[in-house]
N, C-alpha and C. Protein backbone atom coordinates (compact mmCIF):
# COMPACT_ATOMS: atom_id res chain seq x y z
N MET A 1 8.57 -8.56 16.55
CA MET A 1 8.47 -7.96 15.22
C MET A 1 8.91 -6.52 15.30
N GLY A 2 9.78 -6.11 14.42
CA GLY A 2 10.32 -4.77 14.46
C GLY A 2 9.57 -3.79 13.59
N THR A 3 8.99 -2.77 14.24
CA THR A 3 8.25 -1.75 13.49
C THR A 3 9.15 -1.06 12.48
N ASN A 4 10.39 -0.77 12.86
CA ASN A 4 11.29 -0.09 11.93
C ASN A 4 11.54 -0.94 10.68
N ARG A 5 11.71 -2.24 10.87
CA ARG A 5 11.96 -3.14 9.73
C ARG A 5 10.71 -3.23 8.85
N ILE A 6 9.54 -3.31 9.46
CA ILE A 6 8.29 -3.35 8.69
C ILE A 6 8.14 -2.07 7.89
N ARG A 7 8.41 -0.94 8.51
CA ARG A 7 8.32 0.35 7.80
C ARG A 7 9.29 0.38 6.62
N GLU A 8 10.53 -0.06 6.82
CA GLU A 8 11.52 -0.09 5.75
C GLU A 8 11.05 -0.96 4.58
N LEU A 9 10.53 -2.14 4.90
CA LEU A 9 10.05 -3.05 3.85
C LEU A 9 8.84 -2.46 3.13
N ASN A 10 7.93 -1.84 3.88
CA ASN A 10 6.76 -1.23 3.26
C ASN A 10 7.16 -0.07 2.35
N ASP A 11 8.07 0.77 2.83
CA ASP A 11 8.52 1.90 2.01
C ASP A 11 9.22 1.41 0.74
N ALA A 12 10.05 0.39 0.87
CA ALA A 12 10.75 -0.14 -0.30
C ALA A 12 9.76 -0.71 -1.31
N PHE A 13 8.77 -1.44 -0.83
CA PHE A 13 7.76 -2.02 -1.72
C PHE A 13 6.92 -0.93 -2.37
N ARG A 14 6.45 0.00 -1.57
CA ARG A 14 5.57 1.05 -2.07
C ARG A 14 6.26 1.94 -3.10
N THR A 15 7.51 2.23 -2.90
CA THR A 15 8.21 3.15 -3.79
C THR A 15 8.74 2.48 -5.06
N THR A 16 8.94 1.17 -5.03
CA THR A 16 9.46 0.46 -6.21
C THR A 16 8.45 -0.50 -6.84
N LEU A 17 7.41 -0.84 -6.08
CA LEU A 17 6.41 -1.84 -6.47
C LEU A 17 7.05 -3.21 -6.69
N LYS A 18 8.19 -3.44 -6.03
CA LYS A 18 8.87 -4.73 -6.07
C LYS A 18 8.86 -5.32 -4.67
N GLY A 19 8.65 -6.63 -4.59
CA GLY A 19 8.66 -7.29 -3.29
C GLY A 19 7.28 -7.60 -2.77
N GLY A 20 6.30 -7.62 -3.66
CA GLY A 20 4.94 -7.93 -3.25
C GLY A 20 4.01 -7.91 -4.46
N ARG A 21 2.73 -7.81 -4.17
CA ARG A 21 1.71 -7.77 -5.22
C ARG A 21 0.95 -6.45 -5.13
N VAL A 22 0.62 -5.90 -6.28
CA VAL A 22 -0.16 -4.67 -6.34
C VAL A 22 -1.53 -5.02 -6.92
N MET A 23 -2.57 -4.59 -6.23
CA MET A 23 -3.93 -4.82 -6.69
C MET A 23 -4.67 -3.49 -6.70
N VAL A 24 -5.57 -3.34 -7.65
CA VAL A 24 -6.41 -2.16 -7.69
C VAL A 24 -7.86 -2.61 -7.74
N THR A 25 -8.73 -1.78 -7.21
CA THR A 25 -10.16 -2.08 -7.25
C THR A 25 -10.69 -1.81 -8.66
N SER A 26 -11.91 -2.21 -8.91
CA SER A 26 -12.50 -2.02 -10.23
C SER A 26 -12.59 -0.54 -10.58
N GLY A 27 -12.86 0.31 -9.60
CA GLY A 27 -12.94 1.75 -9.87
C GLY A 27 -11.62 2.32 -10.35
N VAL A 28 -10.53 1.89 -9.77
CA VAL A 28 -9.21 2.35 -10.20
C VAL A 28 -8.87 1.72 -11.55
N ALA A 29 -9.20 0.47 -11.75
CA ALA A 29 -8.91 -0.21 -13.01
C ALA A 29 -9.59 0.47 -14.19
N GLU A 30 -10.74 1.09 -13.95
CA GLU A 30 -11.50 1.74 -15.02
C GLU A 30 -10.99 3.14 -15.38
N LEU A 31 -10.06 3.66 -14.59
CA LEU A 31 -9.51 4.98 -14.89
C LEU A 31 -8.64 4.93 -16.15
N SER A 32 -8.41 6.08 -16.75
CA SER A 32 -7.53 6.12 -17.91
C SER A 32 -6.12 5.70 -17.51
N ASP A 33 -5.35 5.22 -18.46
CA ASP A 33 -3.97 4.82 -18.17
C ASP A 33 -3.16 5.98 -17.62
N VAL A 34 -3.38 7.17 -18.13
CA VAL A 34 -2.65 8.35 -17.64
C VAL A 34 -2.99 8.60 -16.18
N LEU A 35 -4.26 8.53 -15.82
CA LEU A 35 -4.66 8.78 -14.43
C LEU A 35 -4.16 7.66 -13.52
N LYS A 36 -4.22 6.41 -13.98
CA LYS A 36 -3.68 5.31 -13.16
C LYS A 36 -2.19 5.51 -12.90
N SER A 37 -1.47 5.97 -13.89
CA SER A 37 -0.05 6.24 -13.73
C SER A 37 0.18 7.32 -12.67
N LYS A 38 -0.63 8.36 -12.69
CA LYS A 38 -0.52 9.43 -11.70
C LYS A 38 -0.84 8.92 -10.31
N VAL A 39 -1.83 8.05 -10.20
CA VAL A 39 -2.20 7.46 -8.91
C VAL A 39 -1.02 6.66 -8.36
N LEU A 40 -0.42 5.81 -9.20
CA LEU A 40 0.74 5.01 -8.76
C LEU A 40 1.89 5.90 -8.32
N MET A 41 2.12 6.98 -9.03
CA MET A 41 3.19 7.91 -8.64
C MET A 41 2.88 8.56 -7.29
N ARG A 42 1.64 8.91 -7.05
CA ARG A 42 1.26 9.52 -5.77
C ARG A 42 1.45 8.53 -4.62
N VAL A 43 1.10 7.27 -4.86
CA VAL A 43 1.31 6.24 -3.84
C VAL A 43 2.81 6.08 -3.58
N ALA A 44 3.60 5.96 -4.62
CA ALA A 44 5.04 5.76 -4.48
C ALA A 44 5.71 6.93 -3.77
N ASN A 45 5.22 8.14 -4.00
CA ASN A 45 5.84 9.33 -3.43
C ASN A 45 5.17 9.80 -2.14
N PHE A 46 4.20 9.06 -1.64
CA PHE A 46 3.45 9.48 -0.45
C PHE A 46 4.39 9.62 0.75
N GLN A 47 4.31 10.76 1.43
CA GLN A 47 5.13 10.99 2.62
C GLN A 47 4.32 11.62 3.77
N ASP A 48 3.03 11.78 3.59
CA ASP A 48 2.20 12.49 4.56
C ASP A 48 1.75 11.57 5.69
N PHE A 49 2.69 10.90 6.32
CA PHE A 49 2.38 10.01 7.43
C PHE A 49 2.25 10.82 8.72
N THR A 50 1.18 10.56 9.45
CA THR A 50 0.91 11.25 10.71
C THR A 50 0.50 10.21 11.75
N PRO A 51 0.48 10.58 13.01
CA PRO A 51 -0.02 9.64 14.01
C PRO A 51 -1.47 9.21 13.75
N ALA A 52 -2.25 10.05 13.09
CA ALA A 52 -3.65 9.71 12.80
C ALA A 52 -3.76 8.63 11.73
N ASN A 53 -2.93 8.70 10.68
CA ASN A 53 -3.05 7.71 9.60
C ASN A 53 -1.99 6.61 9.68
N ASP A 54 -1.06 6.74 10.62
CA ASP A 54 0.03 5.76 10.75
C ASP A 54 0.32 5.52 12.23
N PRO A 55 -0.68 5.08 13.00
CA PRO A 55 -0.50 4.98 14.46
C PRO A 55 0.57 3.99 14.90
N HIS A 56 0.89 3.00 14.07
CA HIS A 56 1.90 2.00 14.44
C HIS A 56 3.26 2.27 13.79
N GLY A 57 3.34 3.33 12.99
CA GLY A 57 4.61 3.70 12.37
C GLY A 57 5.07 2.75 11.29
N GLU A 58 4.15 2.03 10.65
CA GLU A 58 4.53 1.03 9.66
C GLU A 58 4.44 1.53 8.22
N HIS A 59 3.94 2.75 8.01
CA HIS A 59 3.77 3.29 6.65
C HIS A 59 2.98 2.32 5.77
N ASP A 60 1.85 1.85 6.29
CA ASP A 60 1.04 0.86 5.59
C ASP A 60 -0.30 1.38 5.09
N PHE A 61 -0.55 2.69 5.21
CA PHE A 61 -1.82 3.27 4.75
C PHE A 61 -1.60 4.72 4.37
N GLY A 62 -2.36 5.16 3.38
CA GLY A 62 -2.35 6.56 3.02
C GLY A 62 -3.59 6.93 2.23
N SER A 63 -3.87 8.21 2.18
CA SER A 63 -4.97 8.72 1.36
C SER A 63 -4.53 10.04 0.76
N PHE A 64 -5.10 10.35 -0.40
CA PHE A 64 -4.75 11.59 -1.08
C PHE A 64 -5.86 11.95 -2.05
N MET A 65 -5.87 13.21 -2.42
CA MET A 65 -6.80 13.71 -3.43
C MET A 65 -6.05 13.88 -4.74
N LEU A 66 -6.70 13.53 -5.82
CA LEU A 66 -6.12 13.71 -7.14
C LEU A 66 -7.26 14.01 -8.11
N LEU A 67 -7.20 15.17 -8.72
CA LEU A 67 -8.21 15.60 -9.68
C LEU A 67 -9.64 15.45 -9.13
N GLY A 68 -9.80 15.87 -7.89
CA GLY A 68 -11.12 15.86 -7.27
C GLY A 68 -11.60 14.52 -6.76
N GLN A 69 -10.77 13.50 -6.84
CA GLN A 69 -11.14 12.18 -6.33
C GLN A 69 -10.23 11.81 -5.18
N LYS A 70 -10.81 11.19 -4.15
CA LYS A 70 -10.03 10.73 -3.01
C LYS A 70 -9.67 9.26 -3.21
N PHE A 71 -8.40 8.95 -2.96
CA PHE A 71 -7.88 7.60 -3.09
C PHE A 71 -7.34 7.12 -1.74
N PHE A 72 -7.46 5.82 -1.50
CA PHE A 72 -6.84 5.16 -0.36
C PHE A 72 -5.88 4.11 -0.90
N TRP A 73 -4.82 3.87 -0.15
CA TRP A 73 -3.96 2.71 -0.43
C TRP A 73 -3.63 2.06 0.91
N LYS A 74 -3.42 0.75 0.88
CA LYS A 74 -3.18 -0.01 2.10
C LYS A 74 -2.27 -1.17 1.77
N ILE A 75 -1.32 -1.45 2.64
CA ILE A 75 -0.47 -2.63 2.51
C ILE A 75 -0.90 -3.63 3.58
N ASP A 76 -1.20 -4.85 3.13
CA ASP A 76 -1.53 -5.95 4.04
C ASP A 76 -0.44 -6.99 3.95
N TYR A 77 -0.37 -7.84 4.99
CA TYR A 77 0.68 -8.85 5.10
C TYR A 77 0.07 -10.24 5.12
N TYR A 78 0.48 -11.07 4.17
CA TYR A 78 -0.01 -12.44 4.09
C TYR A 78 1.17 -13.41 4.17
N ASP A 79 0.86 -14.67 4.47
CA ASP A 79 1.90 -15.68 4.42
C ASP A 79 2.27 -15.92 2.96
N LYS A 80 3.30 -16.68 2.71
CA LYS A 80 3.79 -16.90 1.35
C LYS A 80 2.76 -17.59 0.46
N GLU A 81 1.88 -18.39 1.05
CA GLU A 81 0.86 -19.10 0.27
C GLU A 81 -0.38 -18.23 0.03
N MET A 82 -0.40 -17.04 0.61
CA MET A 82 -1.54 -16.11 0.50
C MET A 82 -2.83 -16.74 1.05
N GLU A 83 -2.68 -17.54 2.10
CA GLU A 83 -3.84 -18.20 2.70
C GLU A 83 -4.27 -17.57 4.01
N GLN A 84 -3.35 -16.91 4.70
CA GLN A 84 -3.66 -16.29 5.98
C GLN A 84 -2.69 -15.14 6.23
N GLY A 85 -2.93 -14.40 7.28
CA GLY A 85 -2.04 -13.31 7.61
C GLY A 85 -0.65 -13.79 7.95
N SER A 86 0.33 -12.94 7.68
CA SER A 86 1.72 -13.28 8.01
C SER A 86 1.91 -13.26 9.52
N LYS A 87 2.65 -14.22 10.01
CA LYS A 87 2.96 -14.26 11.44
C LYS A 87 4.10 -13.32 11.79
N ASP A 88 4.88 -12.90 10.78
CA ASP A 88 6.00 -12.00 11.04
C ASP A 88 6.23 -11.07 9.84
N PRO A 89 5.47 -9.95 9.76
CA PRO A 89 5.62 -9.04 8.62
C PRO A 89 7.01 -8.42 8.49
N SER A 90 7.85 -8.55 9.52
CA SER A 90 9.21 -8.00 9.43
C SER A 90 10.15 -8.96 8.69
N ASP A 91 9.67 -10.17 8.38
CA ASP A 91 10.49 -11.16 7.68
C ASP A 91 9.98 -11.35 6.25
N PRO A 92 10.68 -10.80 5.26
CA PRO A 92 10.21 -10.92 3.87
C PRO A 92 10.21 -12.35 3.35
N GLU A 93 10.94 -13.25 4.00
CA GLU A 93 10.95 -14.65 3.58
C GLU A 93 9.65 -15.36 3.98
N LYS A 94 8.92 -14.77 4.95
CA LYS A 94 7.68 -15.38 5.44
C LYS A 94 6.45 -14.56 5.06
N THR A 95 6.65 -13.48 4.32
CA THR A 95 5.56 -12.53 4.10
C THR A 95 5.42 -12.15 2.64
N THR A 96 4.18 -12.10 2.16
CA THR A 96 3.85 -11.52 0.87
C THR A 96 3.11 -10.22 1.15
N ARG A 97 3.67 -9.11 0.71
CA ARG A 97 3.02 -7.82 0.87
C ARG A 97 2.05 -7.60 -0.27
N VAL A 98 0.88 -7.07 0.06
CA VAL A 98 -0.14 -6.78 -0.95
C VAL A 98 -0.54 -5.32 -0.79
N LEU A 99 -0.30 -4.55 -1.83
CA LEU A 99 -0.69 -3.14 -1.86
C LEU A 99 -2.01 -3.05 -2.62
N ILE A 100 -3.02 -2.53 -1.94
CA ILE A 100 -4.33 -2.35 -2.56
C ILE A 100 -4.58 -0.86 -2.71
N ILE A 101 -4.96 -0.46 -3.93
CA ILE A 101 -5.25 0.94 -4.22
C ILE A 101 -6.71 1.03 -4.63
N MET A 102 -7.44 1.98 -4.02
CA MET A 102 -8.88 2.08 -4.28
C MET A 102 -9.35 3.52 -4.25
N LEU A 103 -10.48 3.74 -4.87
CA LEU A 103 -11.19 5.00 -4.70
C LEU A 103 -11.81 4.97 -3.30
N ALA A 104 -11.77 6.09 -2.61
CA ALA A 104 -12.32 6.14 -1.25
C ALA A 104 -13.77 5.68 -1.23
N GLU A 105 -14.52 5.98 -2.27
CA GLU A 105 -15.94 5.61 -2.32
C GLU A 105 -16.13 4.09 -2.42
N GLU A 106 -15.07 3.37 -2.74
CA GLU A 106 -15.17 1.90 -2.81
C GLU A 106 -14.89 1.22 -1.47
N TYR A 107 -14.45 1.99 -0.50
CA TYR A 107 -14.10 1.40 0.80
C TYR A 107 -15.32 0.91 1.52
């Protein structure tokens, strides 16, 4: 499995929200539409990857502050049937990417 390919696919999905599923927790769902839009923009534009938050170089996790609230986002890899983890996240034909966005307090 190629880390570079996984990173490319994650970045493409995160920045366009195409090529997977986006889910939000109940706390994020309850935010105003304007704030939810800002949260999505922050996720799409996130570039603060470090060895501490991205140890495998896959660009699959991030956190940020927005208007005094801390948010987390995470990309997970499932098989096409969404029944188990993907055996090859570098292959988009075998993988469904799921981006989950949450308030840090919901973790």
